[in-house]
Amino acid sequence: MESISADGEPCVIYTGESEQFSAEYHVITGQGIFESREAVEADRVTLEFLTPARIKSNGRFRDDIDFEMLVRALLRRIMALSYFHCGQEPELDYRGLVKRARQNVRKVGDSSRWHDWSRYSRRQDTRLMMGGIRGKVAFEGDLHEFMPLLLLGEYIHVGKGTAFGLGKYEICGR
C-alpha cells in the first residue's frame, strides 16, 4: 500500500510480507496541494469528471452544472470533512464565494453527459441508481480565489456518493 504526496511521489506505507505499517508517510495539506501545481493564476479551467458527479441543485441532480453549483458542492464537501474530521468548520466566506462564483465565472464549454450507474445496497436490499455527469466542463473568468477549492476537489471529490468513488475529477486544462 502506498501514500502519494501532493506532487505525486509514492511512499510505501504497508507491505503484506511484514504486516506492519511504515513510520514514513506523506501528509497532504491544502498548502502543499496549492504549491505542488505550477501556475495557479488562471482565467480559464477545464475539469474532466472521471466518475459520475452527483451534484444537486434545487432538490434534484443536475446534468448541466454551472460554476456556482460546483463551488457550492465543493464548499459543502470541505465543510463536512472539516467538521467531522477536525471538529470545526473552516473559516470561509461561504456566501461571498458563492456570490463571486455566480458573478465572475461562466461556463464556456460542456461536453459532459449523464452517466447512469447503480450499486446494490445490502442494507436496503435494493439496487440504487447512482448516476451523474461525466466528461469535460470548461469555465472562464476570475478563477484565482477558486483555484485552491478546485485543486483540493481533485483529492476529495465533489457531490453525493464520494464515499463510493463518485465525483472524481481532474483539472485537465487551464
N, C-alpha and C. Protein backbone atom coordinates (compact mmCIF):
# COMPACT_ATOMS: atom_id res chain seq x y z
N MET A 1 0.85 -1.16 0.00
CA MET A 1 0.00 0.00 0.00
C MET A 1 0.91 1.23 0.00
N GLU A 2 0.49 2.25 -0.76
CA GLU A 2 1.32 3.45 -0.87
C GLU A 2 0.56 4.70 -0.46
N SER A 3 1.33 5.66 0.01
CA SER A 3 0.85 7.01 0.26
C SER A 3 1.40 7.85 -0.89
N ILE A 4 0.61 8.77 -1.41
CA ILE A 4 1.04 9.61 -2.51
C ILE A 4 1.09 11.05 -2.04
N SER A 5 2.20 11.73 -2.31
CA SER A 5 2.34 13.13 -1.92
C SER A 5 1.56 14.02 -2.88
N ALA A 6 1.44 15.29 -2.55
CA ALA A 6 0.71 16.22 -3.40
C ALA A 6 1.35 16.35 -4.78
N ASP A 7 2.65 16.12 -4.88
CA ASP A 7 3.30 16.20 -6.19
C ASP A 7 3.42 14.84 -6.87
N GLY A 8 2.73 13.82 -6.33
CA GLY A 8 2.66 12.51 -6.97
C GLY A 8 3.74 11.52 -6.59
N GLU A 9 4.56 11.85 -5.62
CA GLU A 9 5.66 10.98 -5.18
C GLU A 9 5.11 9.86 -4.29
N PRO A 10 5.30 8.57 -4.69
CA PRO A 10 4.78 7.47 -3.87
C PRO A 10 5.72 7.12 -2.71
N CYS A 11 5.15 6.57 -1.66
CA CYS A 11 5.90 6.12 -0.50
C CYS A 11 5.20 4.87 0.04
N VAL A 12 5.90 3.75 0.15
CA VAL A 12 5.31 2.51 0.64
C VAL A 12 5.00 2.67 2.14
N ILE A 13 3.74 2.43 2.51
CA ILE A 13 3.35 2.56 3.92
C ILE A 13 2.97 1.22 4.56
N TYR A 14 2.75 0.19 3.71
CA TYR A 14 2.38 -1.12 4.26
C TYR A 14 2.74 -2.19 3.24
N THR A 15 3.29 -3.28 3.73
CA THR A 15 3.53 -4.45 2.88
C THR A 15 2.93 -5.67 3.55
N GLY A 16 2.40 -6.57 2.74
CA GLY A 16 1.80 -7.79 3.26
C GLY A 16 2.82 -8.72 3.89
N GLU A 17 4.05 -8.67 3.37
CA GLU A 17 5.10 -9.55 3.90
C GLU A 17 5.41 -9.23 5.36
N SER A 18 5.60 -7.95 5.65
CA SER A 18 5.96 -7.56 7.02
C SER A 18 4.74 -7.40 7.92
N GLU A 19 3.58 -7.18 7.31
CA GLU A 19 2.33 -6.93 8.05
C GLU A 19 2.49 -5.79 9.05
N GLN A 20 3.29 -4.80 8.69
CA GLN A 20 3.50 -3.64 9.54
C GLN A 20 3.40 -2.36 8.71
N PHE A 21 2.95 -1.32 9.37
CA PHE A 21 2.90 -0.02 8.72
C PHE A 21 4.24 0.69 8.90
N SER A 22 4.64 1.41 7.87
CA SER A 22 5.88 2.18 7.92
C SER A 22 5.67 3.44 8.75
N ALA A 23 6.73 3.91 9.37
CA ALA A 23 6.66 5.15 10.14
C ALA A 23 6.77 6.36 9.22
N GLU A 24 7.13 6.14 7.96
CA GLU A 24 7.25 7.23 7.00
C GLU A 24 6.02 7.24 6.09
N TYR A 25 5.45 8.42 5.91
CA TYR A 25 4.29 8.57 5.04
C TYR A 25 4.16 10.04 4.65
N HIS A 26 3.40 10.27 3.61
CA HIS A 26 3.17 11.64 3.14
C HIS A 26 1.90 12.19 3.78
N VAL A 27 1.96 13.43 4.17
CA VAL A 27 0.78 14.13 4.64
C VAL A 27 0.48 15.21 3.61
N ILE A 28 -0.72 15.20 3.09
CA ILE A 28 -1.10 16.19 2.10
C ILE A 28 -1.85 17.31 2.80
N THR A 29 -1.35 18.51 2.63
CA THR A 29 -2.03 19.69 3.19
C THR A 29 -2.57 20.54 2.06
N GLY A 30 -3.50 21.40 2.38
CA GLY A 30 -4.03 22.32 1.38
C GLY A 30 -2.93 23.17 0.77
N GLN A 31 -2.03 23.66 1.60
CA GLN A 31 -0.93 24.47 1.11
C GLN A 31 -0.02 23.65 0.20
N GLY A 32 0.22 22.40 0.57
CA GLY A 32 1.05 21.52 -0.25
C GLY A 32 0.43 21.26 -1.62
N ILE A 33 -0.87 21.07 -1.65
CA ILE A 33 -1.57 20.87 -2.91
C ILE A 33 -1.42 22.11 -3.78
N PHE A 34 -1.64 23.24 -3.18
CA PHE A 34 -1.57 24.51 -3.91
C PHE A 34 -0.16 24.74 -4.46
N GLU A 35 0.86 24.46 -3.66
CA GLU A 35 2.25 24.69 -4.07
C GLU A 35 2.74 23.64 -5.06
N SER A 36 2.11 22.46 -5.11
CA SER A 36 2.57 21.40 -6.00
C SER A 36 2.24 21.67 -7.46
N ARG A 37 1.32 22.57 -7.70
CA ARG A 37 0.93 22.89 -9.07
C ARG A 37 1.75 24.05 -9.59
N GLU A 38 1.93 24.08 -10.88
CA GLU A 38 2.74 25.14 -11.48
C GLU A 38 2.11 26.50 -11.22
N ALA A 39 1.48 27.06 -12.20
CA ALA A 39 0.87 28.38 -12.05
C ALA A 39 -0.61 28.20 -11.73
N VAL A 40 -1.06 28.77 -10.66
CA VAL A 40 -2.47 28.65 -10.31
C VAL A 40 -3.25 29.91 -10.68
N GLU A 41 -2.55 30.87 -11.28
CA GLU A 41 -3.24 32.04 -11.81
C GLU A 41 -3.96 31.56 -13.06
N ALA A 42 -5.25 31.62 -13.07
CA ALA A 42 -5.98 31.10 -14.22
C ALA A 42 -7.20 31.96 -14.51
N ASP A 43 -7.49 32.09 -15.79
CA ASP A 43 -8.74 32.74 -16.17
C ASP A 43 -9.62 31.77 -16.94
N ARG A 44 -9.09 30.55 -17.15
CA ARG A 44 -9.87 29.51 -17.80
C ARG A 44 -9.41 28.16 -17.25
N VAL A 45 -10.35 27.29 -16.97
CA VAL A 45 -10.01 25.97 -16.46
C VAL A 45 -11.01 24.95 -17.03
N THR A 46 -10.50 23.76 -17.33
CA THR A 46 -11.35 22.67 -17.79
C THR A 46 -11.26 21.53 -16.78
N LEU A 47 -12.39 21.07 -16.34
CA LEU A 47 -12.45 19.94 -15.41
C LEU A 47 -12.97 18.73 -16.18
N GLU A 48 -12.33 17.59 -15.97
CA GLU A 48 -12.83 16.35 -16.55
C GLU A 48 -13.33 15.47 -15.43
N PHE A 49 -14.64 15.22 -15.44
CA PHE A 49 -15.26 14.36 -14.43
C PHE A 49 -15.06 12.91 -14.86
N LEU A 50 -14.25 12.19 -14.09
CA LEU A 50 -13.85 10.82 -14.42
C LEU A 50 -14.83 9.79 -13.90
N THR A 51 -15.48 10.07 -12.79
CA THR A 51 -16.54 9.21 -12.26
C THR A 51 -17.78 10.09 -12.14
N PRO A 52 -18.96 9.49 -12.16
CA PRO A 52 -20.18 10.31 -12.15
C PRO A 52 -20.21 11.30 -10.97
N ALA A 53 -20.44 12.56 -11.30
CA ALA A 53 -20.56 13.62 -10.29
C ALA A 53 -22.04 13.88 -10.07
N ARG A 54 -22.49 13.63 -8.86
CA ARG A 54 -23.91 13.79 -8.50
C ARG A 54 -24.08 15.11 -7.75
N ILE A 55 -24.28 16.16 -8.50
CA ILE A 55 -24.39 17.49 -7.92
C ILE A 55 -25.85 17.91 -7.93
N LYS A 56 -26.34 18.24 -6.73
CA LYS A 56 -27.75 18.61 -6.56
C LYS A 56 -27.91 20.12 -6.53
N SER A 57 -29.00 20.58 -7.12
CA SER A 57 -29.39 21.98 -7.05
C SER A 57 -30.90 22.03 -7.09
N ASN A 58 -31.48 22.81 -6.21
CA ASN A 58 -32.94 22.91 -6.11
C ASN A 58 -33.60 21.54 -5.95
N GLY A 59 -32.97 20.66 -5.17
CA GLY A 59 -33.57 19.38 -4.83
C GLY A 59 -33.46 18.29 -5.87
N ARG A 60 -32.73 18.54 -6.97
CA ARG A 60 -32.60 17.49 -7.98
C ARG A 60 -31.17 17.42 -8.50
N PHE A 61 -30.80 16.21 -8.95
CA PHE A 61 -29.47 16.03 -9.53
C PHE A 61 -29.44 16.69 -10.89
N ARG A 62 -28.34 17.38 -11.16
CA ARG A 62 -28.23 18.18 -12.38
C ARG A 62 -27.37 17.48 -13.43
N ASP A 63 -27.80 17.58 -14.67
CA ASP A 63 -26.98 17.08 -15.78
C ASP A 63 -26.29 18.23 -16.51
N ASP A 64 -26.50 19.45 -15.99
CA ASP A 64 -25.84 20.64 -16.54
C ASP A 64 -25.46 21.54 -15.38
N ILE A 65 -24.20 21.51 -15.00
CA ILE A 65 -23.79 22.29 -13.84
C ILE A 65 -23.17 23.61 -14.27
N ASP A 66 -23.33 24.61 -13.45
CA ASP A 66 -22.63 25.87 -13.66
C ASP A 66 -21.60 26.02 -12.54
N PHE A 67 -20.81 27.07 -12.60
CA PHE A 67 -19.72 27.23 -11.65
C PHE A 67 -20.23 27.45 -10.22
N GLU A 68 -21.33 28.17 -10.09
CA GLU A 68 -21.90 28.39 -8.75
C GLU A 68 -22.28 27.06 -8.10
N MET A 69 -22.91 26.16 -8.87
CA MET A 69 -23.30 24.85 -8.32
C MET A 69 -22.06 24.06 -7.90
N LEU A 70 -21.02 24.12 -8.73
CA LEU A 70 -19.79 23.41 -8.41
C LEU A 70 -19.16 23.95 -7.13
N VAL A 71 -19.08 25.26 -7.01
CA VAL A 71 -18.48 25.87 -5.81
C VAL A 71 -19.31 25.53 -4.58
N ARG A 72 -20.63 25.59 -4.67
CA ARG A 72 -21.49 25.22 -3.54
C ARG A 72 -21.21 23.78 -3.10
N ALA A 73 -21.12 22.87 -4.08
CA ALA A 73 -20.89 21.45 -3.77
C ALA A 73 -19.51 21.25 -3.14
N LEU A 74 -18.49 21.94 -3.67
CA LEU A 74 -17.15 21.82 -3.09
C LEU A 74 -17.11 22.37 -1.67
N LEU A 75 -17.76 23.49 -1.44
CA LEU A 75 -17.78 24.08 -0.10
C LEU A 75 -18.51 23.16 0.89
N ARG A 76 -19.61 22.55 0.46
CA ARG A 76 -20.33 21.61 1.34
C ARG A 76 -19.42 20.43 1.71
N ARG A 77 -18.70 19.91 0.72
CA ARG A 77 -17.81 18.77 0.97
C ARG A 77 -16.68 19.15 1.92
N ILE A 78 -16.06 20.30 1.68
CA ILE A 78 -14.97 20.77 2.54
C ILE A 78 -15.46 21.01 3.95
N MET A 79 -16.62 21.65 4.08
CA MET A 79 -17.16 21.94 5.42
C MET A 79 -17.50 20.66 6.16
N ALA A 80 -18.08 19.68 5.47
CA ALA A 80 -18.43 18.42 6.13
C ALA A 80 -17.18 17.66 6.57
N LEU A 81 -16.19 17.56 5.70
CA LEU A 81 -14.96 16.87 6.08
C LEU A 81 -14.27 17.56 7.24
N SER A 82 -14.22 18.87 7.19
CA SER A 82 -13.58 19.63 8.26
C SER A 82 -14.32 19.46 9.58
N TYR A 83 -15.63 19.51 9.53
CA TYR A 83 -16.43 19.39 10.75
C TYR A 83 -16.27 18.00 11.38
N PHE A 84 -16.42 16.95 10.56
CA PHE A 84 -16.42 15.59 11.09
C PHE A 84 -15.01 15.06 11.40
N HIS A 85 -14.00 15.55 10.70
CA HIS A 85 -12.65 15.02 10.93
C HIS A 85 -11.75 15.97 11.72
N CYS A 86 -12.12 17.24 11.78
CA CYS A 86 -11.30 18.21 12.52
C CYS A 86 -12.07 18.85 13.68
N GLY A 87 -13.37 18.60 13.74
CA GLY A 87 -14.17 19.14 14.83
C GLY A 87 -14.52 20.61 14.70
N GLN A 88 -14.30 21.18 13.54
CA GLN A 88 -14.65 22.58 13.32
C GLN A 88 -14.83 22.84 11.83
N GLU A 89 -15.58 23.87 11.54
CA GLU A 89 -15.76 24.27 10.15
C GLU A 89 -14.67 25.28 9.79
N PRO A 90 -14.22 25.26 8.54
CA PRO A 90 -13.19 26.21 8.13
C PRO A 90 -13.74 27.63 8.11
N GLU A 91 -12.87 28.58 8.31
CA GLU A 91 -13.28 29.98 8.27
C GLU A 91 -13.28 30.44 6.82
N LEU A 92 -14.42 30.30 6.18
CA LEU A 92 -14.57 30.68 4.78
C LEU A 92 -15.75 31.63 4.64
N ASP A 93 -15.65 32.53 3.70
CA ASP A 93 -16.75 33.43 3.37
C ASP A 93 -17.65 32.70 2.37
N TYR A 94 -18.44 31.76 2.89
CA TYR A 94 -19.28 30.90 2.06
C TYR A 94 -20.15 31.71 1.11
N ARG A 95 -20.93 32.62 1.66
CA ARG A 95 -21.86 33.41 0.83
C ARG A 95 -21.12 34.27 -0.18
N GLY A 96 -20.01 34.87 0.24
CA GLY A 96 -19.22 35.71 -0.67
C GLY A 96 -18.62 34.90 -1.81
N LEU A 97 -18.09 33.72 -1.49
CA LEU A 97 -17.52 32.86 -2.53
C LEU A 97 -18.59 32.44 -3.55
N VAL A 98 -19.75 32.05 -3.05
CA VAL A 98 -20.83 31.63 -3.94
C VAL A 98 -21.28 32.81 -4.82
N LYS A 99 -21.40 33.98 -4.21
CA LYS A 99 -21.82 35.18 -4.98
C LYS A 99 -20.79 35.50 -6.07
N ARG A 100 -19.50 35.48 -5.72
CA ARG A 100 -18.46 35.78 -6.71
C ARG A 100 -18.37 34.69 -7.78
N ALA A 101 -18.64 33.44 -7.41
CA ALA A 101 -18.66 32.36 -8.40
C ALA A 101 -19.75 32.61 -9.43
N ARG A 102 -20.92 33.03 -8.96
CA ARG A 102 -22.06 33.32 -9.84
C ARG A 102 -21.76 34.52 -10.74
N GLN A 103 -21.16 35.56 -10.17
CA GLN A 103 -20.96 36.81 -10.90
C GLN A 103 -19.72 36.82 -11.80
N ASN A 104 -18.65 36.15 -11.39
CA ASN A 104 -17.35 36.33 -12.05
C ASN A 104 -16.87 35.18 -12.92
N VAL A 105 -17.58 34.05 -12.92
CA VAL A 105 -17.12 32.89 -13.69
C VAL A 105 -18.31 32.33 -14.47
N ARG A 106 -18.05 32.03 -15.74
CA ARG A 106 -19.13 31.47 -16.57
C ARG A 106 -18.66 30.19 -17.25
N LYS A 107 -19.61 29.35 -17.59
CA LYS A 107 -19.30 28.11 -18.31
C LYS A 107 -19.09 28.46 -19.78
N VAL A 108 -17.98 27.98 -20.36
CA VAL A 108 -17.68 28.29 -21.76
C VAL A 108 -17.59 27.04 -22.63
N GLY A 109 -17.70 25.88 -22.03
CA GLY A 109 -17.68 24.64 -22.79
C GLY A 109 -18.23 23.51 -21.94
N ASP A 110 -18.94 22.58 -22.60
CA ASP A 110 -19.53 21.48 -21.84
C ASP A 110 -19.74 20.29 -22.75
N SER A 111 -18.91 19.27 -22.58
CA SER A 111 -19.10 18.02 -23.32
C SER A 111 -19.48 16.90 -22.35
N SER A 112 -19.99 17.29 -21.19
CA SER A 112 -20.38 16.28 -20.19
C SER A 112 -21.73 15.69 -20.57
N ARG A 113 -21.93 14.47 -20.11
CA ARG A 113 -23.19 13.77 -20.34
C ARG A 113 -23.57 13.02 -19.07
N TRP A 114 -24.85 12.77 -18.91
CA TRP A 114 -25.33 11.98 -17.78
C TRP A 114 -24.89 10.54 -17.99
N HIS A 115 -24.36 9.95 -16.93
CA HIS A 115 -23.90 8.57 -16.98
C HIS A 115 -24.62 7.80 -15.87
N ASP A 116 -25.45 6.83 -16.26
CA ASP A 116 -26.16 6.02 -15.27
C ASP A 116 -25.25 4.95 -14.71
N TRP A 117 -25.33 4.77 -13.42
CA TRP A 117 -24.55 3.76 -12.71
C TRP A 117 -25.40 3.32 -11.53
N SER A 118 -25.31 2.07 -11.16
CA SER A 118 -26.08 1.61 -10.00
C SER A 118 -25.21 0.72 -9.13
N ARG A 119 -25.66 0.57 -7.90
CA ARG A 119 -24.98 -0.33 -6.97
C ARG A 119 -26.05 -1.02 -6.14
N TYR A 120 -25.69 -2.18 -5.62
CA TYR A 120 -26.62 -2.91 -4.77
C TYR A 120 -26.38 -2.54 -3.31
N SER A 121 -27.45 -2.24 -2.59
CA SER A 121 -27.37 -1.93 -1.17
C SER A 121 -27.90 -3.12 -0.39
N ARG A 122 -27.02 -3.76 0.36
CA ARG A 122 -27.47 -4.87 1.21
C ARG A 122 -28.38 -4.37 2.33
N ARG A 123 -28.02 -3.20 2.86
CA ARG A 123 -28.81 -2.65 3.96
C ARG A 123 -30.26 -2.40 3.53
N GLN A 124 -30.43 -1.85 2.32
CA GLN A 124 -31.77 -1.56 1.82
C GLN A 124 -32.34 -2.69 0.97
N ASP A 125 -31.49 -3.70 0.69
CA ASP A 125 -31.89 -4.85 -0.12
C ASP A 125 -32.51 -4.42 -1.45
N THR A 126 -31.81 -3.48 -2.11
CA THR A 126 -32.30 -2.99 -3.40
C THR A 126 -31.14 -2.41 -4.21
N ARG A 127 -31.37 -2.24 -5.48
CA ARG A 127 -30.38 -1.61 -6.36
C ARG A 127 -30.65 -0.11 -6.36
N LEU A 128 -29.58 0.68 -6.14
CA LEU A 128 -29.69 2.13 -6.09
C LEU A 128 -29.07 2.76 -7.33
N MET A 129 -29.77 3.70 -7.92
CA MET A 129 -29.23 4.43 -9.07
C MET A 129 -28.28 5.50 -8.55
N MET A 130 -27.09 5.56 -9.12
CA MET A 130 -26.05 6.48 -8.65
C MET A 130 -25.48 7.28 -9.82
N GLY A 131 -26.28 7.59 -10.81
CA GLY A 131 -25.81 8.30 -11.99
C GLY A 131 -25.40 9.73 -11.69
N GLY A 132 -24.61 10.28 -12.61
CA GLY A 132 -24.15 11.65 -12.51
C GLY A 132 -23.49 12.06 -13.82
N ILE A 133 -22.92 13.26 -13.84
CA ILE A 133 -22.29 13.72 -15.08
C ILE A 133 -20.85 13.22 -15.19
N ARG A 134 -20.45 12.92 -16.41
CA ARG A 134 -19.06 12.58 -16.75
C ARG A 134 -18.70 13.37 -17.99
N GLY A 135 -17.42 13.67 -18.11
CA GLY A 135 -16.97 14.42 -19.27
C GLY A 135 -16.33 15.73 -18.85
N LYS A 136 -16.14 16.62 -19.82
CA LYS A 136 -15.42 17.87 -19.58
C LYS A 136 -16.36 19.07 -19.53
N VAL A 137 -16.03 19.97 -18.59
CA VAL A 137 -16.74 21.24 -18.46
C VAL A 137 -15.68 22.32 -18.30
N ALA A 138 -15.78 23.39 -19.10
CA ALA A 138 -14.79 24.47 -19.05
C ALA A 138 -15.44 25.74 -18.49
N PHE A 139 -14.65 26.44 -17.67
CA PHE A 139 -15.11 27.68 -17.05
C PHE A 139 -14.10 28.79 -17.33
N GLU A 140 -14.61 30.02 -17.39
CA GLU A 140 -13.76 31.16 -17.67
C GLU A 140 -14.17 32.33 -16.79
N GLY A 141 -13.19 33.10 -16.37
CA GLY A 141 -13.45 34.27 -15.54
C GLY A 141 -12.35 34.46 -14.53
N ASP A 142 -12.67 35.16 -13.47
CA ASP A 142 -11.70 35.41 -12.40
C ASP A 142 -11.66 34.21 -11.47
N LEU A 143 -10.78 33.26 -11.78
CA LEU A 143 -10.73 31.98 -11.06
C LEU A 143 -9.71 31.93 -9.94
N HIS A 144 -8.90 32.99 -9.78
CA HIS A 144 -7.79 32.95 -8.83
C HIS A 144 -8.19 32.48 -7.44
N GLU A 145 -9.22 33.07 -6.84
CA GLU A 145 -9.57 32.69 -5.47
C GLU A 145 -10.21 31.31 -5.39
N PHE A 146 -10.65 30.76 -6.53
CA PHE A 146 -11.30 29.45 -6.54
C PHE A 146 -10.33 28.30 -6.79
N MET A 147 -9.12 28.61 -7.24
CA MET A 147 -8.17 27.55 -7.57
C MET A 147 -7.85 26.64 -6.37
N PRO A 148 -7.67 27.17 -5.16
CA PRO A 148 -7.45 26.24 -4.03
C PRO A 148 -8.62 25.26 -3.85
N LEU A 149 -9.86 25.72 -4.03
CA LEU A 149 -11.02 24.84 -3.92
C LEU A 149 -10.98 23.78 -5.01
N LEU A 150 -10.70 24.21 -6.24
CA LEU A 150 -10.67 23.28 -7.36
C LEU A 150 -9.56 22.25 -7.21
N LEU A 151 -8.38 22.69 -6.75
CA LEU A 151 -7.26 21.77 -6.55
C LEU A 151 -7.57 20.77 -5.44
N LEU A 152 -8.13 21.24 -4.34
CA LEU A 152 -8.50 20.34 -3.25
C LEU A 152 -9.56 19.34 -3.70
N GLY A 153 -10.50 19.80 -4.52
CA GLY A 153 -11.56 18.94 -5.03
C GLY A 153 -11.05 17.74 -5.80
N GLU A 154 -9.87 17.87 -6.44
CA GLU A 154 -9.29 16.72 -7.13
C GLU A 154 -9.02 15.57 -6.16
N TYR A 155 -8.73 15.90 -4.91
CA TYR A 155 -8.41 14.89 -3.90
C TYR A 155 -9.64 14.38 -3.15
N ILE A 156 -10.57 15.29 -2.87
CA ILE A 156 -11.71 14.91 -2.02
C ILE A 156 -12.98 14.61 -2.79
N HIS A 157 -12.96 14.86 -4.10
CA HIS A 157 -14.11 14.64 -4.98
C HIS A 157 -15.23 15.62 -4.64
N VAL A 158 -16.32 15.56 -5.40
CA VAL A 158 -17.39 16.54 -5.22
C VAL A 158 -18.75 15.88 -5.45
N GLY A 159 -19.76 16.36 -4.72
CA GLY A 159 -21.13 15.89 -4.91
C GLY A 159 -21.47 14.73 -3.99
N LYS A 160 -22.60 14.13 -4.27
CA LYS A 160 -23.09 12.99 -3.48
C LYS A 160 -22.38 11.71 -3.91
N GLY A 161 -22.20 10.79 -2.98
CA GLY A 161 -21.63 9.48 -3.29
C GLY A 161 -20.12 9.44 -3.36
N THR A 162 -19.46 10.43 -2.77
CA THR A 162 -17.99 10.43 -2.81
C THR A 162 -17.41 9.23 -2.07
N ALA A 163 -18.12 8.70 -1.09
CA ALA A 163 -17.64 7.53 -0.36
C ALA A 163 -17.56 6.30 -1.27
N PHE A 164 -18.28 6.34 -2.39
CA PHE A 164 -18.26 5.25 -3.36
C PHE A 164 -17.35 5.57 -4.55
N GLY A 165 -16.56 6.64 -4.43
CA GLY A 165 -15.64 7.00 -5.50
C GLY A 165 -16.23 7.94 -6.54
N LEU A 166 -17.44 8.39 -6.31
CA LEU A 166 -18.08 9.28 -7.27
C LEU A 166 -17.56 10.70 -7.13
N GLY A 167 -17.74 11.49 -8.18
CA GLY A 167 -17.36 12.90 -8.15
C GLY A 167 -15.89 13.16 -8.33
N LYS A 168 -15.14 12.17 -8.84
CA LYS A 168 -13.70 12.37 -9.07
C LYS A 168 -13.51 13.17 -10.35
N TYR A 169 -12.71 14.22 -10.25
CA TYR A 169 -12.38 14.99 -11.45
C TYR A 169 -10.92 15.37 -11.44
N GLU A 170 -10.44 15.76 -12.60
CA GLU A 170 -9.08 16.27 -12.76
C GLU A 170 -9.15 17.59 -13.48
N ILE A 171 -8.26 18.48 -13.10
CA ILE A 171 -8.10 19.72 -13.85
C ILE A 171 -7.22 19.36 -15.03
N CYS A 172 -7.79 19.40 -16.23
CA CYS A 172 -7.04 18.93 -17.40
C CYS A 172 -6.63 20.07 -18.31
N GLY A 173 -6.98 21.27 -17.97
CA GLY A 173 -6.56 22.39 -18.80
C GLY A 173 -6.82 23.69 -18.12
N ARG A 174 -6.00 24.66 -18.48
CA ARG A 174 -6.18 26.00 -17.95
C ARG A 174 -6.27 26.95 -19.10
